[in-house]
């Protein structure tokens, strides 16, 4: 059985952007993550050794993003995806990073990246 765990609207701040003025202070970001893992039966998820520790993954994302700087949203999204895929239980993942107010008439600009473990 496949199970999807979603982390929605993780609000973080980091230095992001190409322009000099963008690199002067941290900016707001919203990160959404979907992680898929497999288990034989739903009861297995009651055992912490057979489920996905999304809290530990989230802590790694937070420390990695807030402790770094990025020039492109694509690089930041790829970084988050790599953190998620480090967990051997994750068989596929989708990461979306939003940079609110990046464009004058848009709510945000986002980048979506995905990966799947080879069987």
PDB file of N, CA and C in Angstrom:
ATOM      1  N   UNK A   1       0.832  -1.160   0.000  1.00  0.00           N
ATOM      2  CA  UNK A   1       0.000   0.000   0.000  1.00  0.00           C
ATOM      3  C   UNK A   1       0.892   1.244   0.000  1.00  0.00           C
ATOM      4  N   UNK A   2       0.552   2.194  -0.876  1.00  0.00           N
ATOM      5  CA  UNK A   2       1.277   3.461  -0.923  1.00  0.00           C
ATOM      6  C   UNK A   2       0.575   4.474  -0.027  1.00  0.00           C
ATOM      7  N   UNK A   3       1.378   5.226   0.716  1.00  0.00           N
ATOM      8  CA  UNK A   3       0.862   6.288   1.581  1.00  0.00           C
ATOM      9  C   UNK A   3       1.577   7.584   1.218  1.00  0.00           C
ATOM     10  N   UNK A   4       0.814   8.665   1.113  1.00  0.00           N
ATOM     11  CA  UNK A   4       1.378   9.988   0.831  1.00  0.00           C
ATOM     12  C   UNK A   4       1.239  10.861   2.063  1.00  0.00           C
ATOM     13  N   UNK A   5       2.350  11.458   2.467  1.00  0.00           N
ATOM     14  CA  UNK A   5       2.351  12.435   3.552  1.00  0.00           C
ATOM     15  C   UNK A   5       2.671  13.785   2.922  1.00  0.00           C
ATOM     16  N   UNK A   6       1.882  14.805   3.290  1.00  0.00           N
ATOM     17  CA  UNK A   6       2.082  16.146   2.742  1.00  0.00           C
ATOM     18  C   UNK A   6       2.455  17.113   3.859  1.00  0.00           C
ATOM     19  N   UNK A   7       3.455  17.930   3.579  1.00  0.00           N
ATOM     20  CA  UNK A   7       3.795  19.064   4.432  1.00  0.00           C
ATOM     21  C   UNK A   7       3.322  20.279   3.656  1.00  0.00           C
ATOM     22  N   UNK A   8       2.389  21.038   4.238  1.00  0.00           N
ATOM     23  CA  UNK A   8       1.772  22.145   3.508  1.00  0.00           C
ATOM     24  C   UNK A   8       2.202  23.502   4.056  1.00  0.00           C
ATOM     25  N   UNK A   9       2.611  24.359   3.140  1.00  0.00           N
ATOM     26  CA  UNK A   9       2.915  25.762   3.448  1.00  0.00           C
ATOM     27  C   UNK A   9       3.887  25.933   4.607  1.00  0.00           C
ATOM     28  N   UNK A  10       5.008  25.240   4.531  1.00  0.00           N
ATOM     29  CA  UNK A  10       6.091  25.420   5.491  1.00  0.00           C
ATOM     30  C   UNK A  10       6.701  26.793   5.218  1.00  0.00           C
ATOM     31  N   UNK A  11       6.496  27.718   6.137  1.00  0.00           N
ATOM     32  CA  UNK A  11       6.913  29.110   5.939  1.00  0.00           C
ATOM     33  C   UNK A  11       8.328  29.304   6.465  1.00  0.00           C
ATOM     34  N   UNK A  12       9.260  29.552   5.553  1.00  0.00           N
ATOM     35  CA  UNK A  12      10.668  29.731   5.912  1.00  0.00           C
ATOM     36  C   UNK A  12      11.191  31.029   5.333  1.00  0.00           C
ATOM     37  N   UNK A  13      12.378  31.425   5.806  1.00  0.00           N
ATOM     38  CA  UNK A  13      13.034  32.633   5.305  1.00  0.00           C
ATOM     39  C   UNK A  13      14.475  32.283   4.959  1.00  0.00           C
ATOM     40  N   UNK A  14      14.920  32.781   3.794  1.00  0.00           N
ATOM     41  CA  UNK A  14      16.303  32.587   3.379  1.00  0.00           C
ATOM     42  C   UNK A  14      16.684  33.674   2.392  1.00  0.00           C
ATOM     43  N   UNK A  15      17.962  33.764   2.109  1.00  0.00           N
ATOM     44  CA  UNK A  15      18.437  34.682   1.067  1.00  0.00           C
ATOM     45  C   UNK A  15      18.221  33.976  -0.260  1.00  0.00           C
ATOM     46  N   UNK A  16      17.458  34.618  -1.157  1.00  0.00           N
ATOM     47  CA  UNK A  16      17.143  34.014  -2.453  1.00  0.00           C
ATOM     48  C   UNK A  16      17.028  35.103  -3.501  1.00  0.00           C
ATOM     49  N   UNK A  17      17.660  34.887  -4.645  1.00  0.00           N
ATOM     50  CA  UNK A  17      17.532  35.820  -5.753  1.00  0.00           C
ATOM     51  C   UNK A  17      18.866  36.142  -6.389  1.00  0.00           C
ATOM     52  N   UNK A  18      18.783  36.668  -7.612  1.00  0.00           N
ATOM     53  CA  UNK A  18      19.970  37.039  -8.376  1.00  0.00           C
ATOM     54  C   UNK A  18      20.388  38.490  -8.155  1.00  0.00           C
ATOM     55  N   UNK A  19      19.401  39.349  -7.894  1.00  0.00           N
ATOM     56  CA  UNK A  19      19.680  40.775  -7.766  1.00  0.00           C
ATOM     57  C   UNK A  19      20.347  41.095  -6.431  1.00  0.00           C
ATOM     58  N   UNK A  20      21.199  42.104  -6.456  1.00  0.00           N
ATOM     59  CA  UNK A  20      21.919  42.501  -5.247  1.00  0.00           C
ATOM     60  C   UNK A  20      20.958  42.851  -4.105  1.00  0.00           C
ATOM     61  N   UNK A  21      19.870  43.574  -4.428  1.00  0.00           N
ATOM     62  CA  UNK A  21      18.916  43.963  -3.389  1.00  0.00           C
ATOM     63  C   UNK A  21      18.191  42.768  -2.791  1.00  0.00           C
ATOM     64  N   UNK A  22      18.064  41.662  -3.560  1.00  0.00           N
ATOM     65  CA  UNK A  22      17.413  40.456  -3.049  1.00  0.00           C
ATOM     66  C   UNK A  22      18.309  39.730  -2.050  1.00  0.00           C
ATOM     67  N   UNK A  23      19.593  39.971  -2.128  1.00  0.00           N
ATOM     68  CA  UNK A  23      20.555  39.255  -1.308  1.00  0.00           C
ATOM     69  C   UNK A  23      20.894  40.000  -0.014  1.00  0.00           C
ATOM     70  N   UNK A  24      20.250  41.145   0.192  1.00  0.00           N
ATOM     71  CA  UNK A  24      20.538  41.959   1.377  1.00  0.00           C
ATOM     72  C   UNK A  24      19.853  41.441   2.637  1.00  0.00           C
ATOM     73  N   UNK A  25      18.711  40.771   2.487  1.00  0.00           N
ATOM     74  CA  UNK A  25      18.022  40.241   3.658  1.00  0.00           C
ATOM     75  C   UNK A  25      17.222  38.999   3.266  1.00  0.00           C
ATOM     76  N   UNK A  26      16.880  38.223   4.263  1.00  0.00           N
ATOM     77  CA  UNK A  26      16.116  36.997   4.015  1.00  0.00           C
ATOM     78  C   UNK A  26      14.710  37.335   3.525  1.00  0.00           C
ATOM     79  N   UNK A  27      14.207  36.458   2.644  1.00  0.00           N
ATOM     80  CA  UNK A  27      12.871  36.628   2.082  1.00  0.00           C
ATOM     81  C   UNK A  27      11.984  35.450   2.481  1.00  0.00           C
ATOM     82  N   UNK A  28      10.682  35.695   2.455  1.00  0.00           N
ATOM     83  CA  UNK A  28       9.712  34.655   2.794  1.00  0.00           C
ATOM     84  C   UNK A  28       9.562  33.652   1.661  1.00  0.00           C
ATOM     85  N   UNK A  29       9.390  32.396   2.050  1.00  0.00           N
ATOM     86  CA  UNK A  29       9.123  31.309   1.106  1.00  0.00           C
ATOM     87  C   UNK A  29       8.054  30.403   1.695  1.00  0.00           C
ATOM     88  N   UNK A  30       7.318  29.733   0.828  1.00  0.00           N
ATOM     89  CA  UNK A  30       6.398  28.680   1.244  1.00  0.00           C
ATOM     90  C   UNK A  30       6.827  27.402   0.546  1.00  0.00           C
ATOM     91  N   UNK A  31       6.981  26.342   1.326  1.00  0.00           N
ATOM     92  CA  UNK A  31       7.432  25.064   0.770  1.00  0.00           C
ATOM     93  C   UNK A  31       6.364  24.016   1.029  1.00  0.00           C
ATOM     94  N   UNK A  32       6.004  23.305  -0.031  1.00  0.00           N
ATOM     95  CA  UNK A  32       5.061  22.190   0.050  1.00  0.00           C
ATOM     96  C   UNK A  32       5.769  20.935  -0.414  1.00  0.00           C
ATOM     97  N   UNK A  33       5.594  19.862   0.356  1.00  0.00           N
ATOM     98  CA  UNK A  33       6.272  18.601   0.057  1.00  0.00           C
ATOM     99  C   UNK A  33       5.260  17.469   0.088  1.00  0.00           C
ATOM    100  N   UNK A  34       5.321  16.608  -0.911  1.00  0.00           N
ATOM    101  CA  UNK A  34       4.555  15.352  -0.911  1.00  0.00           C
ATOM    102  C   UNK A  34       5.562  14.214  -0.927  1.00  0.00           C
ATOM    103  N   UNK A  35       5.430  13.301   0.035  1.00  0.00           N
ATOM    104  CA  UNK A  35       6.339  12.157   0.135  1.00  0.00           C
ATOM    105  C   UNK A  35       5.525  10.871   0.102  1.00  0.00           C
ATOM    106  N   UNK A  36       5.915   9.953  -0.734  1.00  0.00           N
ATOM    107  CA  UNK A  36       5.217   8.676  -0.852  1.00  0.00           C
ATOM    108  C   UNK A  36       6.124   7.573  -0.314  1.00  0.00           C
ATOM    109  N   UNK A  37       5.547   6.726   0.528  1.00  0.00           N
ATOM    110  CA  UNK A  37       6.263   5.538   0.990  1.00  0.00           C
ATOM    111  C   UNK A  37       5.311   4.356   0.948  1.00  0.00           C
ATOM    112  N   UNK A  38       5.856   3.161   1.058  1.00  0.00           N
ATOM    113  CA  UNK A  38       5.038   1.948   0.985  1.00  0.00           C
ATOM    114  C   UNK A  38       5.059   1.200   2.313  1.00  0.00           C
ATOM    115  N   UNK A  39       3.948   0.545   2.572  1.00  0.00           N
ATOM    116  CA  UNK A  39       3.843  -0.332   3.729  1.00  0.00           C
ATOM    117  C   UNK A  39       2.937  -1.496   3.344  1.00  0.00           C
ATOM    118  N   UNK A  40       3.107  -2.594   4.020  1.00  0.00           N
ATOM    119  CA  UNK A  40       2.280  -3.764   3.684  1.00  0.00           C
ATOM    120  C   UNK A  40       0.836  -3.566   4.111  1.00  0.00           C
ATOM    121  N   UNK A  41       0.639  -2.992   5.288  1.00  0.00           N
ATOM    122  CA  UNK A  41      -0.721  -2.750   5.772  1.00  0.00           C
ATOM    123  C   UNK A  41      -0.725  -1.497   6.634  1.00  0.00           C
ATOM    124  N   UNK A  42      -1.850  -0.846   6.709  1.00  0.00           N
ATOM    125  CA  UNK A  42      -1.958   0.434   7.402  1.00  0.00           C
ATOM    126  C   UNK A  42      -1.571   0.303   8.877  1.00  0.00           C
ATOM    127  N   UNK A  43      -1.795  -0.843   9.470  1.00  0.00           N
ATOM    128  CA  UNK A  43      -1.441  -1.037  10.880  1.00  0.00           C
ATOM    129  C   UNK A  43       0.055  -0.869  11.110  1.00  0.00           C
ATOM    130  N   UNK A  44       0.858  -1.110  10.071  1.00  0.00           N
ATOM    131  CA  UNK A  44       2.310  -0.950  10.200  1.00  0.00           C
ATOM    132  C   UNK A  44       2.701   0.484  10.531  1.00  0.00           C
ATOM    133  N   UNK A  45       1.856   1.450  10.154  1.00  0.00           N
ATOM    134  CA  UNK A  45       2.200   2.849  10.403  1.00  0.00           C
ATOM    135  C   UNK A  45       2.087   3.214  11.872  1.00  0.00           C
ATOM    136  N   UNK A  46       1.515   2.336  12.678  1.00  0.00           N
ATOM    137  CA  UNK A  46       1.480   2.564  14.129  1.00  0.00           C
ATOM    138  C   UNK A  46       2.841   2.274  14.755  1.00  0.00           C
ATOM    139  N   UNK A  47       3.703   1.617  14.031  1.00  0.00           N
ATOM    140  CA  UNK A  47       5.056   1.297  14.491  1.00  0.00           C
ATOM    141  C   UNK A  47       6.007   2.345  13.904  1.00  0.00           C
ATOM    142  N   UNK A  48       6.655   3.124  14.782  1.00  0.00           N
ATOM    143  CA  UNK A  48       7.510   4.213  14.303  1.00  0.00           C
ATOM    144  C   UNK A  48       8.650   3.749  13.403  1.00  0.00           C
ATOM    145  N   UNK A  49       9.018   2.485  13.493  1.00  0.00           N
ATOM    146  CA  UNK A  49      10.080   1.950  12.634  1.00  0.00           C
ATOM    147  C   UNK A  49       9.580   1.585  11.241  1.00  0.00           C
ATOM    148  N   UNK A  50       8.264   1.603  11.043  1.00  0.00           N
ATOM    149  CA  UNK A  50       7.689   1.225   9.752  1.00  0.00           C
ATOM    150  C   UNK A  50       6.961   2.374   9.064  1.00  0.00           C
ATOM    151  N   UNK A  51       7.077   3.557   9.619  1.00  0.00           N
ATOM    152  CA  UNK A  51       6.436   4.714   9.008  1.00  0.00           C
ATOM    153  C   UNK A  51       7.498   5.730   8.628  1.00  0.00           C
ATOM    154  N   UNK A  52       7.064   6.870   8.187  1.00  0.00           N
ATOM    155  CA  UNK A  52       7.974   7.918   7.727  1.00  0.00           C
ATOM    156  C   UNK A  52       8.044   9.008   8.799  1.00  0.00           C
ATOM    157  N   UNK A  53       9.234   9.311   9.270  1.00  0.00           N
ATOM    158  CA  UNK A  53       9.416  10.336  10.296  1.00  0.00           C
ATOM    159  C   UNK A  53       9.452  11.702   9.619  1.00  0.00           C
ATOM    160  N   UNK A  54       8.274  12.258   9.357  1.00  0.00           N
ATOM    161  CA  UNK A  54       8.195  13.533   8.642  1.00  0.00           C
ATOM    162  C   UNK A  54       8.687  14.701   9.488  1.00  0.00           C
ATOM    163  N   UNK A  55       8.658  14.556  10.795  1.00  0.00           N
ATOM    164  CA  UNK A  55       9.177  15.620  11.660  1.00  0.00           C
ATOM    165  C   UNK A  55      10.693  15.754  11.474  1.00  0.00           C
ATOM    166  N   UNK A  56      11.402  14.645  11.423  1.00  0.00           N
ATOM    167  CA  UNK A  56      12.856  14.684  11.225  1.00  0.00           C
ATOM    168  C   UNK A  56      13.206  15.259   9.858  1.00  0.00           C
ATOM    169  N   UNK A  57      12.436  14.888   8.840  1.00  0.00           N
ATOM    170  CA  UNK A  57      12.671  15.424   7.493  1.00  0.00           C
ATOM    171  C   UNK A  57      12.430  16.930   7.486  1.00  0.00           C
ATOM    172  N   UNK A  58      11.364  17.371   8.140  1.00  0.00           N
ATOM    173  CA  UNK A  58      11.045  18.801   8.195  1.00  0.00           C
ATOM    174  C   UNK A  58      12.152  19.584   8.905  1.00  0.00           C
ATOM    175  N   UNK A  59      12.674  19.049   9.988  1.00  0.00           N
ATOM    176  CA  UNK A  59      13.766  19.722  10.702  1.00  0.00           C
ATOM    177  C   UNK A  59      14.986  19.897   9.795  1.00  0.00           C
ATOM    178  N   UNK A  60      15.309  18.876   8.999  1.00  0.00           N
ATOM    179  CA  UNK A  60      16.440  18.976   8.065  1.00  0.00           C
ATOM    180  C   UNK A  60      16.182  20.040   7.003  1.00  0.00           C
ATOM    181  N   UNK A  61      14.949  20.088   6.513  1.00  0.00           N
ATOM    182  CA  UNK A  61      14.588  21.108   5.514  1.00  0.00           C
ATOM    183  C   UNK A  61      14.753  22.501   6.120  1.00  0.00           C
ATOM    184  N   UNK A  62      14.213  22.710   7.315  1.00  0.00           N
ATOM    185  CA  UNK A  62      14.279  24.021   7.958  1.00  0.00           C
ATOM    186  C   UNK A  62      15.724  24.457   8.170  1.00  0.00           C
ATOM    187  N   UNK A  63      16.525  23.609   8.765  1.00  0.00           N
ATOM    188  CA  UNK A  63      17.914  24.012   9.042  1.00  0.00           C
ATOM    189  C   UNK A  63      18.702  24.211   7.755  1.00  0.00           C
ATOM    190  N   UNK A  64      18.457  23.385   6.761  1.00  0.00           N
ATOM    191  CA  UNK A  64      19.173  23.519   5.492  1.00  0.00           C
ATOM    192  C   UNK A  64      18.802  24.766   4.718  1.00  0.00           C
ATOM    193  N   UNK A  65      17.514  25.073   4.654  1.00  0.00           N
ATOM    194  CA  UNK A  65      17.054  26.238   3.897  1.00  0.00           C
ATOM    195  C   UNK A  65      17.416  27.533   4.621  1.00  0.00           C
ATOM    196  N   UNK A  66      17.103  27.598   5.909  1.00  0.00           N
ATOM    197  CA  UNK A  66      17.348  28.841   6.632  1.00  0.00           C
ATOM    198  C   UNK A  66      18.830  29.089   6.897  1.00  0.00           C
ATOM    199  N   UNK A  67      19.643  28.049   6.831  1.00  0.00           N
ATOM    200  CA  UNK A  67      21.078  28.190   7.060  1.00  0.00           C
ATOM    201  C   UNK A  67      21.881  28.371   5.786  1.00  0.00           C
ATOM    202  N   UNK A  68      21.217  28.488   4.650  1.00  0.00           N
ATOM    203  CA  UNK A  68      21.896  28.606   3.357  1.00  0.00           C
ATOM    204  C   UNK A  68      21.386  29.832   2.615  1.00  0.00           C
ATOM    205  N   UNK A  69      21.945  30.049   1.444  1.00  0.00           N
ATOM    206  CA  UNK A  69      21.414  31.064   0.528  1.00  0.00           C
ATOM    207  C   UNK A  69      21.401  30.463  -0.864  1.00  0.00           C
ATOM    208  N   UNK A  70      20.486  30.942  -1.682  1.00  0.00           N
ATOM    209  CA  UNK A  70      20.296  30.397  -3.014  1.00  0.00           C
ATOM    210  C   UNK A  70      20.123  31.539  -4.001  1.00  0.00           C
ATOM    211  N   UNK A  71      20.530  31.318  -5.241  1.00  0.00           N
ATOM    212  CA  UNK A  71      20.301  32.306  -6.284  1.00  0.00           C
ATOM    213  C   UNK A  71      18.984  32.047  -7.006  1.00  0.00           C
ATOM    214  N   UNK A  72      18.639  30.777  -7.200  1.00  0.00           N
ATOM    215  CA  UNK A  72      17.454  30.424  -7.978  1.00  0.00           C
ATOM    216  C   UNK A  72      16.487  29.562  -7.176  1.00  0.00           C
ATOM    217  N   UNK A  73      15.198  29.759  -7.417  1.00  0.00           N
ATOM    218  CA  UNK A  73      14.187  28.895  -6.810  1.00  0.00           C
ATOM    219  C   UNK A  73      14.409  27.433  -7.196  1.00  0.00           C
ATOM    220  N   UNK A  74      14.866  27.226  -8.425  1.00  0.00           N
ATOM    221  CA  UNK A  74      15.111  25.869  -8.898  1.00  0.00           C
ATOM    222  C   UNK A  74      16.147  25.162  -8.027  1.00  0.00           C
ATOM    223  N   UNK A  75      17.202  25.877  -7.662  1.00  0.00           N
ATOM    224  CA  UNK A  75      18.256  25.299  -6.820  1.00  0.00           C
ATOM    225  C   UNK A  75      17.735  25.000  -5.422  1.00  0.00           C
ATOM    226  N   UNK A  76      16.935  25.906  -4.879  1.00  0.00           N
ATOM    227  CA  UNK A  76      16.366  25.696  -3.560  1.00  0.00           C
ATOM    228  C   UNK A  76      15.421  24.493  -3.563  1.00  0.00           C
ATOM    229  N   UNK A  77      14.568  24.396  -4.573  1.00  0.00           N
ATOM    230  CA  UNK A  77      13.631  23.272  -4.672  1.00  0.00           C
ATOM    231  C   UNK A  77      14.385  21.953  -4.806  1.00  0.00           C
ATOM    232  N   UNK A  78      15.449  21.951  -5.595  1.00  0.00           N
ATOM    233  CA  UNK A  78      16.263  20.751  -5.765  1.00  0.00           C
ATOM    234  C   UNK A  78      16.933  20.363  -4.448  1.00  0.00           C
ATOM    235  N   UNK A  79      17.405  21.342  -3.701  1.00  0.00           N
ATOM    236  CA  UNK A  79      18.006  21.083  -2.393  1.00  0.00           C
ATOM    237  C   UNK A  79      17.000  20.383  -1.470  1.00  0.00           C
ATOM    238  N   UNK A  80      15.787  20.915  -1.399  1.00  0.00           N
ATOM    239  CA  UNK A  80      14.754  20.330  -0.545  1.00  0.00           C
ATOM    240  C   UNK A  80      14.421  18.916  -1.006  1.00  0.00           C
ATOM    241  N   UNK A  81      14.304  18.724  -2.310  1.00  0.00           N
ATOM    242  CA  UNK A  81      14.015  17.386  -2.843  1.00  0.00           C
ATOM    243  C   UNK A  81      15.100  16.392  -2.447  1.00  0.00           C
ATOM    244  N   UNK A  82      16.346  16.799  -2.507  1.00  0.00           N
ATOM    245  CA  UNK A  82      17.451  15.905  -2.119  1.00  0.00           C
ATOM    246  C   UNK A  82      17.377  15.552  -0.634  1.00  0.00           C
ATOM    247  N   UNK A  83      17.024  16.521   0.205  1.00  0.00           N
ATOM    248  CA  UNK A  83      16.857  16.247   1.639  1.00  0.00           C
ATOM    249  C   UNK A  83      15.771  15.180   1.839  1.00  0.00           C
ATOM    250  N   UNK A  84      14.658  15.342   1.147  1.00  0.00           N
ATOM    251  CA  UNK A  84      13.551  14.388   1.275  1.00  0.00           C
ATOM    252  C   UNK A  84      13.970  13.001   0.780  1.00  0.00           C
ATOM    253  N   UNK A  85      14.631  12.942  -0.362  1.00  0.00           N
ATOM    254  CA  UNK A  85      14.996  11.651  -0.964  1.00  0.00           C
ATOM    255  C   UNK A  85      16.146  10.961  -0.237  1.00  0.00           C
ATOM    256  N   UNK A  86      16.812  11.662   0.679  1.00  0.00           N
ATOM    257  CA  UNK A  86      17.833  11.017   1.515  1.00  0.00           C
ATOM    258  C   UNK A  86      17.233   9.920   2.371  1.00  0.00           C
ATOM    259  N   UNK A  87      15.966  10.077   2.717  1.00  0.00           N
ATOM    260  CA  UNK A  87      15.297   9.074   3.536  1.00  0.00           C
ATOM    261  C   UNK A  87      15.009   7.849   2.675  1.00  0.00           C
ATOM    262  N   UNK A  88      15.548   6.693   3.029  1.00  0.00           N
ATOM    263  CA  UNK A  88      15.384   5.508   2.177  1.00  0.00           C
ATOM    264  C   UNK A  88      13.953   4.993   2.070  1.00  0.00           C
ATOM    265  N   UNK A  89      13.081   5.395   2.987  1.00  0.00           N
ATOM    266  CA  UNK A  89      11.679   4.957   2.916  1.00  0.00           C
ATOM    267  C   UNK A  89      10.892   5.719   1.857  1.00  0.00           C
ATOM    268  N   UNK A  90      11.345   6.913   1.487  1.00  0.00           N
ATOM    269  CA  UNK A  90      10.634   7.722   0.491  1.00  0.00           C
ATOM    270  C   UNK A  90      10.895   7.123  -0.886  1.00  0.00           C
ATOM    271  N   UNK A  91       9.809   6.742  -1.579  1.00  0.00           N
ATOM    272  CA  UNK A  91       9.972   6.167  -2.918  1.00  0.00           C
ATOM    273  C   UNK A  91       9.717   7.195  -4.017  1.00  0.00           C
ATOM    274  N   UNK A  92       8.968   8.247  -3.693  1.00  0.00           N
ATOM    275  CA  UNK A  92       8.791   9.346  -4.632  1.00  0.00           C
ATOM    276  C   UNK A  92       8.409  10.600  -3.857  1.00  0.00           C
ATOM    277  N   UNK A  93       8.730  11.744  -4.447  1.00  0.00           N
ATOM    278  CA  UNK A  93       8.449  13.002  -3.773  1.00  0.00           C
ATOM    279  C   UNK A  93       8.235  14.117  -4.785  1.00  0.00           C
ATOM    280  N   UNK A  94       7.430  15.093  -4.371  1.00  0.00           N
ATOM    281  CA  UNK A  94       7.199  16.307  -5.144  1.00  0.00           C
ATOM    282  C   UNK A  94       7.416  17.482  -4.187  1.00  0.00           C
ATOM    283  N   UNK A  95       8.187  18.466  -4.647  1.00  0.00           N
ATOM    284  CA  UNK A  95       8.458  19.655  -3.850  1.00  0.00           C
ATOM    285  C   UNK A  95       8.052  20.877  -4.665  1.00  0.00           C
ATOM    286  N   UNK A  96       7.281  21.777  -4.028  1.00  0.00           N
ATOM    287  CA  UNK A  96       6.928  23.044  -4.648  1.00  0.00           C
ATOM    288  C   UNK A  96       7.387  24.162  -3.724  1.00  0.00           C
ATOM    289  N   UNK A  97       8.144  25.112  -4.285  1.00  0.00           N
ATOM    290  CA  UNK A  97       8.609  26.260  -3.519  1.00  0.00           C
ATOM    291  C   UNK A  97       7.989  27.516  -4.117  1.00  0.00           C
ATOM    292  N   UNK A  98       7.317  28.285  -3.271  1.00  0.00           N
ATOM    293  CA  UNK A  98       6.696  29.543  -3.681  1.00  0.00           C
ATOM    294  C   UNK A  98       7.495  30.710  -3.111  1.00  0.00           C
ATOM    295  N   UNK A  99       7.717  31.709  -3.945  1.00  0.00           N
ATOM    296  CA  UNK A  99       8.333  32.966  -3.509  1.00  0.00           C
ATOM    297  C   UNK A  99       7.254  34.041  -3.656  1.00  0.00           C
ATOM    298  N   UNK A 100       6.556  34.338  -2.535  1.00  0.00           N
ATOM    299  CA  UNK A 100       5.461  35.303  -2.599  1.00  0.00           C
ATOM    300  C   UNK A 100       5.938  36.692  -3.041  1.00  0.00           C
ATOM    301  N   UNK A 101       5.064  37.364  -3.790  1.00  0.00           N
ATOM    302  CA  UNK A 101       5.275  38.758  -4.197  1.00  0.00           C
ATOM    303  C   UNK A 101       6.523  38.958  -5.066  1.00  0.00           C
ATOM    304  N   UNK A 102       6.919  37.928  -5.808  1.00  0.00           N
ATOM    305  CA  UNK A 102       8.077  38.050  -6.696  1.00  0.00           C
ATOM    306  C   UNK A 102       7.779  38.905  -7.916  1.00  0.00           C
ATOM    307  N   UNK A 103       6.547  38.818  -8.365  1.00  0.00           N
ATOM    308  CA  UNK A 103       6.118  39.606  -9.518  1.00  0.00           C
ATOM    309  C   UNK A 103       5.027  40.569  -9.079  1.00  0.00           C
ATOM    310  N   UNK A 104       5.011  41.720  -9.664  1.00  0.00           N
ATOM    311  CA  UNK A 104       4.135  42.805  -9.246  1.00  0.00           C
ATOM    312  C   UNK A 104       2.651  42.417  -9.195  1.00  0.00           C
ATOM    313  N   UNK A 105       2.150  41.734 -10.182  1.00  0.00           N
ATOM    314  CA  UNK A 105       0.719  41.436 -10.236  1.00  0.00           C
ATOM    315  C   UNK A 105       0.393  39.973  -9.953  1.00  0.00           C
ATOM    316  N   UNK A 106       1.340  39.253  -9.369  1.00  0.00           N
ATOM    317  CA  UNK A 106       1.128  37.832  -9.067  1.00  0.00           C
ATOM    318  C   UNK A 106       1.260  37.589  -7.568  1.00  0.00           C
ATOM    319  N   UNK A 107       0.473  36.658  -7.084  1.00  0.00           N
ATOM    320  CA  UNK A 107       0.558  36.292  -5.675  1.00  0.00           C
ATOM    321  C   UNK A 107       1.926  35.706  -5.345  1.00  0.00           C
ATOM    322  N   UNK A 108       2.444  34.875  -6.264  1.00  0.00           N
ATOM    323  CA  UNK A 108       3.762  34.282  -6.048  1.00  0.00           C
ATOM    324  C   UNK A 108       4.270  33.675  -7.353  1.00  0.00           C
ATOM    325  N   UNK A 109       5.517  33.268  -7.310  1.00  0.00           N
ATOM    326  CA  UNK A 109       6.132  32.472  -8.368  1.00  0.00           C
ATOM    327  C   UNK A 109       6.552  31.168  -7.704  1.00  0.00           C
ATOM    328  N   UNK A 110       6.315  30.043  -8.375  1.00  0.00           N
ATOM    329  CA  UNK A 110       6.709  28.773  -7.769  1.00  0.00           C
ATOM    330  C   UNK A 110       7.441  27.892  -8.754  1.00  0.00           C
ATOM    331  N   UNK A 111       8.194  26.965  -8.175  1.00  0.00           N
ATOM    332  CA  UNK A 111       8.916  25.952  -8.943  1.00  0.00           C
ATOM    333  C   UNK A 111       8.538  24.604  -8.352  1.00  0.00           C
ATOM    334  N   UNK A 112       8.295  23.629  -9.218  1.00  0.00           N
ATOM    335  CA  UNK A 112       7.952  22.279  -8.791  1.00  0.00           C
ATOM    336  C   UNK A 112       8.999  21.304  -9.332  1.00  0.00           C
ATOM    337  N   UNK A 113       9.526  20.455  -8.447  1.00  0.00           N
ATOM    338  CA  UNK A 113      10.453  19.409  -8.859  1.00  0.00           C
ATOM    339  C   UNK A 113       9.971  18.090  -8.266  1.00  0.00           C
ATOM    340  N   UNK A 114      10.318  16.989  -8.911  1.00  0.00           N
ATOM    341  CA  UNK A 114       9.873  15.680  -8.459  1.00  0.00           C
ATOM    342  C   UNK A 114      10.946  14.649  -8.736  1.00  0.00           C
ATOM    343  N   UNK A 115      10.882  13.571  -7.959  1.00  0.00           N
ATOM    344  CA  UNK A 115      11.823  12.470  -8.165  1.00  0.00           C
ATOM    345  C   UNK A 115      11.151  11.172  -7.748  1.00  0.00           C
ATOM    346  N   UNK A 116      11.626  10.073  -8.305  1.00  0.00           N
ATOM    347  CA  UNK A 116      11.119   8.744  -7.981  1.00  0.00           C
ATOM    348  C   UNK A 116      12.294   7.790  -7.941  1.00  0.00           C
ATOM    349  N   UNK A 117      12.328   6.964  -6.906  1.00  0.00           N
ATOM    350  CA  UNK A 117      13.394   5.968  -6.792  1.00  0.00           C
ATOM    351  C   UNK A 117      13.252   4.923  -7.887  1.00  0.00           C
ATOM    352  N   UNK A 118      14.366   4.546  -8.445  1.00  0.00           N
ATOM    353  CA  UNK A 118      14.355   3.489  -9.462  1.00  0.00           C
ATOM    354  C   UNK A 118      14.122   2.139  -8.777  1.00  0.00           C
ATOM    355  N   UNK A 119      13.274   1.303  -9.355  1.00  0.00           N
ATOM    356  CA  UNK A 119      13.016  -0.010  -8.719  1.00  0.00           C
ATOM    357  C   UNK A 119      14.216  -0.929  -8.776  1.00  0.00           C
TER     358      UNK A 119
END
